[in-house]
Amino acid sequence: MKYTQTTVDKLEAIVEEAGYVLRYERGTFQSGYCILEQRKVVVLNKFLQLEGRINTLLDLIPQLGITTELLSEESRKLYKEILSKLETENGNQ
């Protein structure tokens, strides 16, 4: 996956289309993010650089339990790619 602003935008779209509010705030997050499940809010560390934002979103998205019907066709395709890559990585360990 390319480390570009376009990639960040696409990953952010998945989170937002799934019904989560995505916010960038400062804080001391161990993993670079915080999930408030009951309110469907995802808070990312605003000081993360582009690569950090992408990697954090890639780690985070599979944990959200997203219903694919909520996603646009483009977001659904990317979401499935993320899950497929995660399964491949976990299978190789």
PDB file of N, CA and C in Angstrom:
ATOM      1  N   MET A   1       0.843  -1.183   0.000  1.00  0.00           N
ATOM      2  CA  MET A   1       0.000   0.000   0.000  1.00  0.00           C
ATOM      3  C   MET A   1       0.888   1.245   0.000  1.00  0.00           C
ATOM      4  N   LYS A   2       0.520   2.203  -0.820  1.00  0.00           N
ATOM      5  CA  LYS A   2       1.325   3.418  -0.927  1.00  0.00           C
ATOM      6  C   LYS A   2       1.059   4.347   0.248  1.00  0.00           C
ATOM      7  N   TYR A   3       2.115   5.013   0.694  1.00  0.00           N
ATOM      8  CA  TYR A   3       1.991   5.957   1.796  1.00  0.00           C
ATOM      9  C   TYR A   3       1.748   7.356   1.240  1.00  0.00           C
ATOM     10  N   THR A   4       0.480   7.612   0.859  1.00  0.00           N
ATOM     11  CA  THR A   4       0.102   8.907   0.306  1.00  0.00           C
ATOM     12  C   THR A   4      -1.129   9.432   1.043  1.00  0.00           C
ATOM     13  N   GLN A   5      -1.422  10.710   0.869  1.00  0.00           N
ATOM     14  CA  GLN A   5      -2.607  11.296   1.480  1.00  0.00           C
ATOM     15  C   GLN A   5      -3.876  10.653   0.926  1.00  0.00           C
ATOM     16  N   THR A   6      -3.844  10.246  -0.330  1.00  0.00           N
ATOM     17  CA  THR A   6      -4.991   9.579  -0.938  1.00  0.00           C
ATOM     18  C   THR A   6      -5.311   8.279  -0.195  1.00  0.00           C
ATOM     19  N   THR A   7      -4.275   7.536   0.185  1.00  0.00           N
ATOM     20  CA  THR A   7      -4.475   6.298   0.942  1.00  0.00           C
ATOM     21  C   THR A   7      -5.110   6.602   2.294  1.00  0.00           C
ATOM     22  N   VAL A   8      -4.610   7.629   2.968  1.00  0.00           N
ATOM     23  CA  VAL A   8      -5.193   8.026   4.255  1.00  0.00           C
ATOM     24  C   VAL A   8      -6.670   8.368   4.061  1.00  0.00           C
ATOM     25  N   ASP A   9      -6.977   9.135   3.021  1.00  0.00           N
ATOM     26  CA  ASP A   9      -8.360   9.534   2.755  1.00  0.00           C
ATOM     27  C   ASP A   9      -9.258   8.319   2.541  1.00  0.00           C
ATOM     28  N   LYS A  10      -8.775   7.329   1.806  1.00  0.00           N
ATOM     29  CA  LYS A  10      -9.562   6.118   1.543  1.00  0.00           C
ATOM     30  C   LYS A  10      -9.797   5.322   2.828  1.00  0.00           C
ATOM     31  N   LEU A  11      -8.766   5.216   3.662  1.00  0.00           N
ATOM     32  CA  LEU A  11      -8.905   4.490   4.926  1.00  0.00           C
ATOM     33  C   LEU A  11      -9.847   5.226   5.872  1.00  0.00           C
ATOM     34  N   GLU A  12      -9.737   6.554   5.909  1.00  0.00           N
ATOM     35  CA  GLU A  12     -10.641   7.358   6.737  1.00  0.00           C
ATOM     36  C   GLU A  12     -12.085   7.179   6.265  1.00  0.00           C
ATOM     37  N   ALA A  13     -12.286   7.076   4.954  1.00  0.00           N
ATOM     38  CA  ALA A  13     -13.633   6.899   4.411  1.00  0.00           C
ATOM     39  C   ALA A  13     -14.258   5.606   4.903  1.00  0.00           C
ATOM     40  N   ILE A  14     -13.477   4.539   4.989  1.00  0.00           N
ATOM     41  CA  ILE A  14     -13.996   3.262   5.489  1.00  0.00           C
ATOM     42  C   ILE A  14     -14.529   3.445   6.913  1.00  0.00           C
ATOM     43  N   VAL A  15     -13.735   4.064   7.757  1.00  0.00           N
ATOM     44  CA  VAL A  15     -14.122   4.272   9.156  1.00  0.00           C
ATOM     45  C   VAL A  15     -15.394   5.116   9.234  1.00  0.00           C
ATOM     46  N   GLU A  16     -15.436   6.199   8.478  1.00  0.00           N
ATOM     47  CA  GLU A  16     -16.572   7.112   8.536  1.00  0.00           C
ATOM     48  C   GLU A  16     -17.837   6.498   7.924  1.00  0.00           C
ATOM     49  N   GLU A  17     -17.704   5.767   6.826  1.00  0.00           N
ATOM     50  CA  GLU A  17     -18.858   5.117   6.205  1.00  0.00           C
ATOM     51  C   GLU A  17     -19.439   4.031   7.107  1.00  0.00           C
ATOM     52  N   ALA A  18     -18.604   3.472   7.966  1.00  0.00           N
ATOM     53  CA  ALA A  18     -19.057   2.442   8.910  1.00  0.00           C
ATOM     54  C   ALA A  18     -19.804   3.052  10.094  1.00  0.00           C
ATOM     55  N   GLY A  19     -19.920   4.373  10.112  1.00  0.00           N
ATOM     56  CA  GLY A  19     -20.690   5.030  11.164  1.00  0.00           C
ATOM     57  C   GLY A  19     -19.870   5.568  12.317  1.00  0.00           C
ATOM     58  N   TYR A  20     -18.557   5.519  12.189  1.00  0.00           N
ATOM     59  CA  TYR A  20     -17.689   6.046  13.243  1.00  0.00           C
ATOM     60  C   TYR A  20     -17.334   7.502  12.969  1.00  0.00           C
ATOM     61  N   VAL A  21     -17.187   8.257  14.034  1.00  0.00           N
ATOM     62  CA  VAL A  21     -16.663   9.618  13.938  1.00  0.00           C
ATOM     63  C   VAL A  21     -15.162   9.501  14.111  1.00  0.00           C
ATOM     64  N   LEU A  22     -14.410  10.043  13.186  1.00  0.00           N
ATOM     65  CA  LEU A  22     -12.952   9.970  13.235  1.00  0.00           C
ATOM     66  C   LEU A  22     -12.420  11.334  13.628  1.00  0.00           C
ATOM     67  N   ARG A  23     -11.667  11.363  14.728  1.00  0.00           N
ATOM     68  CA  ARG A  23     -11.115  12.627  15.208  1.00  0.00           C
ATOM     69  C   ARG A  23      -9.615  12.486  15.420  1.00  0.00           C
ATOM     70  N   TYR A  24      -8.918  13.574  15.176  1.00  0.00           N
ATOM     71  CA  TYR A  24      -7.484  13.636  15.455  1.00  0.00           C
ATOM     72  C   TYR A  24      -7.296  14.558  16.654  1.00  0.00           C
ATOM     73  N   GLU A  25      -6.772  14.002  17.724  1.00  0.00           N
ATOM     74  CA  GLU A  25      -6.567  14.745  18.965  1.00  0.00           C
ATOM     75  C   GLU A  25      -5.191  14.413  19.516  1.00  0.00           C
ATOM     76  N   ARG A  26      -4.732  15.274  20.395  1.00  0.00           N
ATOM     77  CA  ARG A  26      -3.468  14.905  21.036  1.00  0.00           C
ATOM     78  C   ARG A  26      -3.768  14.117  22.297  1.00  0.00           C
ATOM     79  N   GLY A  27      -2.819  13.307  22.655  1.00  0.00           N
ATOM     80  CA  GLY A  27      -2.983  12.462  23.822  1.00  0.00           C
ATOM     81  C   GLY A  27      -1.855  11.456  23.873  1.00  0.00           C
ATOM     82  N   THR A  28      -1.845  10.694  24.917  1.00  0.00           N
ATOM     83  CA  THR A  28      -0.806   9.673  25.057  1.00  0.00           C
ATOM     84  C   THR A  28      -1.438   8.313  24.791  1.00  0.00           C
ATOM     85  N   PHE A  29      -1.591   8.002  23.515  1.00  0.00           N
ATOM     86  CA  PHE A  29      -2.151   6.721  23.110  1.00  0.00           C
ATOM     87  C   PHE A  29      -1.005   5.764  22.855  1.00  0.00           C
ATOM     88  N   GLN A  30      -1.015   4.625  23.518  1.00  0.00           N
ATOM     89  CA  GLN A  30       0.038   3.636  23.317  1.00  0.00           C
ATOM     90  C   GLN A  30       0.111   3.219  21.851  1.00  0.00           C
ATOM     91  N   SER A  31      -1.057   2.974  21.259  1.00  0.00           N
ATOM     92  CA  SER A  31      -1.089   2.428  19.912  1.00  0.00           C
ATOM     93  C   SER A  31      -1.325   3.488  18.844  1.00  0.00           C
ATOM     94  N   GLY A  32      -1.475   4.729  19.243  1.00  0.00           N
ATOM     95  CA  GLY A  32      -1.749   5.778  18.270  1.00  0.00           C
ATOM     96  C   GLY A  32      -3.226   6.034  18.075  1.00  0.00           C
ATOM     97  N   TYR A  33      -4.092   5.232  18.749  1.00  0.00           N
ATOM     98  CA  TYR A  33      -5.525   5.446  18.610  1.00  0.00           C
ATOM     99  C   TYR A  33      -6.272   5.017  19.872  1.00  0.00           C
ATOM    100  N   CYS A  34      -7.505   5.433  19.956  1.00  0.00           N
ATOM    101  CA  CYS A  34      -8.396   5.083  21.052  1.00  0.00           C
ATOM    102  C   CYS A  34      -9.779   4.889  20.442  1.00  0.00           C
ATOM    103  N   ILE A  35     -10.480   3.823  20.819  1.00  0.00           N
ATOM    104  CA  ILE A  35     -11.822   3.562  20.308  1.00  0.00           C
ATOM    105  C   ILE A  35     -12.818   3.706  21.453  1.00  0.00           C
ATOM    106  N   LEU A  36     -13.801   4.539  21.256  1.00  0.00           N
ATOM    107  CA  LEU A  36     -14.890   4.663  22.219  1.00  0.00           C
ATOM    108  C   LEU A  36     -16.086   3.939  21.608  1.00  0.00           C
ATOM    109  N   GLU A  37     -16.220   2.645  21.895  1.00  0.00           N
ATOM    110  CA  GLU A  37     -17.189   1.777  21.222  1.00  0.00           C
ATOM    111  C   GLU A  37     -18.629   2.261  21.342  1.00  0.00           C
ATOM    112  N   GLN A  38     -19.063   2.632  22.523  1.00  0.00           N
ATOM    113  CA  GLN A  38     -20.464   2.989  22.714  1.00  0.00           C
ATOM    114  C   GLN A  38     -20.872   4.214  21.898  1.00  0.00           C
ATOM    115  N   ARG A  39     -19.923   5.084  21.624  1.00  0.00           N
ATOM    116  CA  ARG A  39     -20.230   6.297  20.875  1.00  0.00           C
ATOM    117  C   ARG A  39     -19.758   6.233  19.434  1.00  0.00           C
ATOM    118  N   LYS A  40     -19.134   5.142  19.052  1.00  0.00           N
ATOM    119  CA  LYS A  40     -18.594   4.972  17.703  1.00  0.00           C
ATOM    120  C   LYS A  40     -17.682   6.135  17.320  1.00  0.00           C
ATOM    121  N   VAL A  41     -16.745   6.397  18.215  1.00  0.00           N
ATOM    122  CA  VAL A  41     -15.760   7.449  17.981  1.00  0.00           C
ATOM    123  C   VAL A  41     -14.380   6.816  17.963  1.00  0.00           C
ATOM    124  N   VAL A  42     -13.592   7.156  16.958  1.00  0.00           N
ATOM    125  CA  VAL A  42     -12.205   6.720  16.872  1.00  0.00           C
ATOM    126  C   VAL A  42     -11.351   7.972  16.980  1.00  0.00           C
ATOM    127  N   VAL A  43     -10.422   7.956  17.916  1.00  0.00           N
ATOM    128  CA  VAL A  43      -9.540   9.095  18.112  1.00  0.00           C
ATOM    129  C   VAL A  43      -8.118   8.670  17.774  1.00  0.00           C
ATOM    130  N   LEU A  44      -7.532   9.337  16.800  1.00  0.00           N
ATOM    131  CA  LEU A  44      -6.146   9.076  16.415  1.00  0.00           C
ATOM    132  C   LEU A  44      -5.263  10.181  16.947  1.00  0.00           C
ATOM    133  N   ASN A  45      -4.029   9.833  17.228  1.00  0.00           N
ATOM    134  CA  ASN A  45      -3.062  10.819  17.684  1.00  0.00           C
ATOM    135  C   ASN A  45      -2.769  11.791  16.549  1.00  0.00           C
ATOM    136  N   LYS A  46      -3.017  13.062  16.786  1.00  0.00           N
ATOM    137  CA  LYS A  46      -2.869  14.055  15.720  1.00  0.00           C
ATOM    138  C   LYS A  46      -1.424  14.290  15.317  1.00  0.00           C
ATOM    139  N   PHE A  47      -0.486  13.822  16.124  1.00  0.00           N
ATOM    140  CA  PHE A  47       0.927  14.033  15.814  1.00  0.00           C
ATOM    141  C   PHE A  47       1.530  12.916  14.964  1.00  0.00           C
ATOM    142  N   LEU A  48       0.717  11.929  14.607  1.00  0.00           N
ATOM    143  CA  LEU A  48       1.217  10.864  13.739  1.00  0.00           C
ATOM    144  C   LEU A  48       1.507  11.420  12.349  1.00  0.00           C
ATOM    145  N   GLN A  49       2.622  10.993  11.787  1.00  0.00           N
ATOM    146  CA  GLN A  49       2.954  11.364  10.419  1.00  0.00           C
ATOM    147  C   GLN A  49       2.122  10.503   9.465  1.00  0.00           C
ATOM    148  N   LEU A  50       2.207  10.792   8.194  1.00  0.00           N
ATOM    149  CA  LEU A  50       1.415  10.105   7.171  1.00  0.00           C
ATOM    150  C   LEU A  50       1.539   8.584   7.268  1.00  0.00           C
ATOM    151  N   GLU A  51       2.754   8.081   7.323  1.00  0.00           N
ATOM    152  CA  GLU A  51       2.974   6.636   7.408  1.00  0.00           C
ATOM    153  C   GLU A  51       2.365   6.069   8.686  1.00  0.00           C
ATOM    154  N   GLY A  52       2.509   6.782   9.782  1.00  0.00           N
ATOM    155  CA  GLY A  52       1.934   6.348  11.057  1.00  0.00           C
ATOM    156  C   GLY A  52       0.421   6.308  11.021  1.00  0.00           C
ATOM    157  N   ARG A  53      -0.193   7.291  10.361  1.00  0.00           N
ATOM    158  CA  ARG A  53      -1.655   7.311  10.241  1.00  0.00           C
ATOM    159  C   ARG A  53      -2.150   6.115   9.443  1.00  0.00           C
ATOM    160  N   ILE A  54      -1.473   5.836   8.341  1.00  0.00           N
ATOM    161  CA  ILE A  54      -1.869   4.702   7.501  1.00  0.00           C
ATOM    162  C   ILE A  54      -1.719   3.390   8.266  1.00  0.00           C
ATOM    163  N   ASN A  55      -0.568   3.186   8.883  1.00  0.00           N
ATOM    164  CA  ASN A  55      -0.335   1.940   9.630  1.00  0.00           C
ATOM    165  C   ASN A  55      -1.317   1.787  10.790  1.00  0.00           C
ATOM    166  N   THR A  56      -1.622   2.890  11.469  1.00  0.00           N
ATOM    167  CA  THR A  56      -2.562   2.852  12.584  1.00  0.00           C
ATOM    168  C   THR A  56      -3.958   2.504  12.087  1.00  0.00           C
ATOM    169  N   LEU A  57      -4.390   3.131  10.993  1.00  0.00           N
ATOM    170  CA  LEU A  57      -5.708   2.823  10.437  1.00  0.00           C
ATOM    171  C   LEU A  57      -5.777   1.378   9.947  1.00  0.00           C
ATOM    172  N   LEU A  58      -4.690   0.872   9.368  1.00  0.00           N
ATOM    173  CA  LEU A  58      -4.665  -0.525   8.923  1.00  0.00           C
ATOM    174  C   LEU A  58      -4.772  -1.493  10.100  1.00  0.00           C
ATOM    175  N   ASP A  59      -4.186  -1.140  11.241  1.00  0.00           N
ATOM    176  CA  ASP A  59      -4.294  -1.958  12.451  1.00  0.00           C
ATOM    177  C   ASP A  59      -5.698  -1.874  13.052  1.00  0.00           C
ATOM    178  N   LEU A  60      -6.268  -0.707  12.963  1.00  0.00           N
ATOM    179  CA  LEU A  60      -7.535  -0.412  13.622  1.00  0.00           C
ATOM    180  C   LEU A  60      -8.750  -0.961  12.882  1.00  0.00           C
ATOM    181  N   ILE A  61      -8.806  -0.788  11.590  1.00  0.00           N
ATOM    182  CA  ILE A  61     -10.002  -1.114  10.804  1.00  0.00           C
ATOM    183  C   ILE A  61     -10.503  -2.546  11.023  1.00  0.00           C
ATOM    184  N   PRO A  62      -9.639  -3.574  11.036  1.00  0.00           N
ATOM    185  CA  PRO A  62     -10.161  -4.934  11.260  1.00  0.00           C
ATOM    186  C   PRO A  62     -10.809  -5.131  12.639  1.00  0.00           C
ATOM    187  N   GLN A  63     -10.474  -4.290  13.604  1.00  0.00           N
ATOM    188  CA  GLN A  63     -11.013  -4.422  14.956  1.00  0.00           C
ATOM    189  C   GLN A  63     -12.416  -3.831  15.100  1.00  0.00           C
ATOM    190  N   LEU A  64     -12.860  -3.055  14.121  1.00  0.00           N
ATOM    191  CA  LEU A  64     -14.119  -2.335  14.254  1.00  0.00           C
ATOM    192  C   LEU A  64     -15.351  -3.185  13.969  1.00  0.00           C
ATOM    193  N   GLY A  65     -15.182  -4.336  13.373  1.00  0.00           N
ATOM    194  CA  GLY A  65     -16.335  -5.180  13.066  1.00  0.00           C
ATOM    195  C   GLY A  65     -17.307  -4.477  12.131  1.00  0.00           C
ATOM    196  N   ILE A  66     -16.804  -4.028  11.021  1.00  0.00           N
ATOM    197  CA  ILE A  66     -17.572  -3.212  10.081  1.00  0.00           C
ATOM    198  C   ILE A  66     -18.527  -4.071   9.262  1.00  0.00           C
ATOM    199  N   THR A  67     -19.742  -3.581   9.105  1.00  0.00           N
ATOM    200  CA  THR A  67     -20.735  -4.211   8.228  1.00  0.00           C
ATOM    201  C   THR A  67     -20.480  -3.704   6.817  1.00  0.00           C
ATOM    202  N   THR A  68     -20.122  -4.600   5.927  1.00  0.00           N
ATOM    203  CA  THR A  68     -19.708  -4.184   4.583  1.00  0.00           C
ATOM    204  C   THR A  68     -20.826  -3.525   3.785  1.00  0.00           C
ATOM    205  N   GLU A  69     -22.081  -3.819   4.113  1.00  0.00           N
ATOM    206  CA  GLU A  69     -23.196  -3.207   3.381  1.00  0.00           C
ATOM    207  C   GLU A  69     -23.229  -1.691   3.558  1.00  0.00           C
ATOM    208  N   LEU A  70     -22.614  -1.191   4.621  1.00  0.00           N
ATOM    209  CA  LEU A  70     -22.582   0.251   4.873  1.00  0.00           C
ATOM    210  C   LEU A  70     -21.576   0.982   3.981  1.00  0.00           C
ATOM    211  N   LEU A  71     -20.665   0.226   3.390  1.00  0.00           N
ATOM    212  CA  LEU A  71     -19.557   0.830   2.650  1.00  0.00           C
ATOM    213  C   LEU A  71     -19.888   1.020   1.177  1.00  0.00           C
ATOM    214  N   SER A  72     -19.283   2.054   0.598  1.00  0.00           N
ATOM    215  CA  SER A  72     -19.375   2.246  -0.848  1.00  0.00           C
ATOM    216  C   SER A  72     -18.598   1.117  -1.523  1.00  0.00           C
ATOM    217  N   GLU A  73     -18.786   0.954  -2.815  1.00  0.00           N
ATOM    218  CA  GLU A  73     -18.119  -0.125  -3.549  1.00  0.00           C
ATOM    219  C   GLU A  73     -16.596  -0.029  -3.417  1.00  0.00           C
ATOM    220  N   GLU A  74     -16.054   1.186  -3.568  1.00  0.00           N
ATOM    221  CA  GLU A  74     -14.603   1.382  -3.471  1.00  0.00           C
ATOM    222  C   GLU A  74     -14.097   1.055  -2.068  1.00  0.00           C
ATOM    223  N   SER A  75     -14.811   1.531  -1.050  1.00  0.00           N
ATOM    224  CA  SER A  75     -14.404   1.260   0.333  1.00  0.00           C
ATOM    225  C   SER A  75     -14.523  -0.219   0.662  1.00  0.00           C
ATOM    226  N   ARG A  76     -15.577  -0.871   0.165  1.00  0.00           N
ATOM    227  CA  ARG A  76     -15.772  -2.300   0.413  1.00  0.00           C
ATOM    228  C   ARG A  76     -14.618  -3.109  -0.162  1.00  0.00           C
ATOM    229  N   LYS A  77     -14.189  -2.745  -1.363  1.00  0.00           N
ATOM    230  CA  LYS A  77     -13.073  -3.442  -2.012  1.00  0.00           C
ATOM    231  C   LYS A  77     -11.794  -3.298  -1.187  1.00  0.00           C
ATOM    232  N   LEU A  78     -11.494  -2.070  -0.756  1.00  0.00           N
ATOM    233  CA  LEU A  78     -10.296  -1.832   0.049  1.00  0.00           C
ATOM    234  C   LEU A  78     -10.393  -2.552   1.396  1.00  0.00           C
ATOM    235  N   TYR A  79     -11.565  -2.526   2.006  1.00  0.00           N
ATOM    236  CA  TYR A  79     -11.783  -3.205   3.289  1.00  0.00           C
ATOM    237  C   TYR A  79     -11.500  -4.703   3.158  1.00  0.00           C
ATOM    238  N   LYS A  80     -12.001  -5.300   2.095  1.00  0.00           N
ATOM    239  CA  LYS A  80     -11.766  -6.730   1.875  1.00  0.00           C
ATOM    240  C   LYS A  80     -10.284  -7.018   1.632  1.00  0.00           C
ATOM    241  N   GLU A  81      -9.597  -6.113   0.940  1.00  0.00           N
ATOM    242  CA  GLU A  81      -8.151  -6.264   0.729  1.00  0.00           C
ATOM    243  C   GLU A  81      -7.411  -6.234   2.063  1.00  0.00           C
ATOM    244  N   ILE A  82      -7.811  -5.326   2.940  1.00  0.00           N
ATOM    245  CA  ILE A  82      -7.173  -5.200   4.260  1.00  0.00           C
ATOM    246  C   ILE A  82      -7.360  -6.494   5.053  1.00  0.00           C
ATOM    247  N   LEU A  83      -8.599  -6.999   5.077  1.00  0.00           N
ATOM    248  CA  LEU A  83      -8.868  -8.233   5.819  1.00  0.00           C
ATOM    249  C   LEU A  83      -8.135  -9.424   5.218  1.00  0.00           C
ATOM    250  N   SER A  84      -8.079  -9.484   3.904  1.00  0.00           N
ATOM    251  CA  SER A  84      -7.382 -10.573   3.220  1.00  0.00           C
ATOM    252  C   SER A  84      -5.893 -10.553   3.544  1.00  0.00           C
ATOM    253  N   LYS A  85      -5.310  -9.365   3.526  1.00  0.00           N
ATOM    254  CA  LYS A  85      -3.888  -9.230   3.838  1.00  0.00           C
ATOM    255  C   LYS A  85      -3.615  -9.629   5.284  1.00  0.00           C
ATOM    256  N   LEU A  86      -4.510  -9.243   6.182  1.00  0.00           N
ATOM    257  CA  LEU A  86      -4.370  -9.594   7.591  1.00  0.00           C
ATOM    258  C   LEU A  86      -4.428 -11.111   7.777  1.00  0.00           C
ATOM    259  N   GLU A  87      -5.372 -11.761   7.094  1.00  0.00           N
ATOM    260  CA  GLU A  87      -5.485 -13.224   7.180  1.00  0.00           C
ATOM    261  C   GLU A  87      -4.240 -13.904   6.641  1.00  0.00           C
ATOM    262  N   THR A  88      -3.697 -13.381   5.547  1.00  0.00           N
ATOM    263  CA  THR A  88      -2.476 -13.939   4.969  1.00  0.00           C
ATOM    264  C   THR A  88      -1.305 -13.807   5.936  1.00  0.00           C
ATOM    265  N   GLU A  89      -1.180 -12.624   6.548  1.00  0.00           N
ATOM    266  CA  GLU A  89      -0.087 -12.400   7.503  1.00  0.00           C
ATOM    267  C   GLU A  89      -0.233 -13.304   8.709  1.00  0.00           C
ATOM    268  N   ASN A  90      -1.442 -13.458   9.222  1.00  0.00           N
ATOM    269  CA  ASN A  90      -1.668 -14.316  10.376  1.00  0.00           C
ATOM    270  C   ASN A  90      -1.460 -15.788  10.055  1.00  0.00           C
ATOM    271  N   GLY A  91      -1.745 -16.163   8.821  1.00  0.00           N
ATOM    272  CA  GLY A  91      -1.534 -17.548   8.390  1.00  0.00           C
ATOM    273  C   GLY A  91      -0.071 -17.902   8.242  1.00  0.00           C
ATOM    274  N   ASN A  92       0.775 -16.889   7.993  1.00  0.00           N
ATOM    275  CA  ASN A  92       2.209 -17.110   7.806  1.00  0.00           C
ATOM    276  C   ASN A  92       2.994 -17.075   9.109  1.00  0.00           C
ATOM    277  N   GLN A  93       2.331 -16.823  10.202  1.00  0.00           N
ATOM    278  CA  GLN A  93       3.045 -16.738  11.483  1.00  0.00           C
ATOM    279  C   GLN A  93       2.996 -18.040  12.216  1.00  0.00           C
TER     280      GLN A  93
END
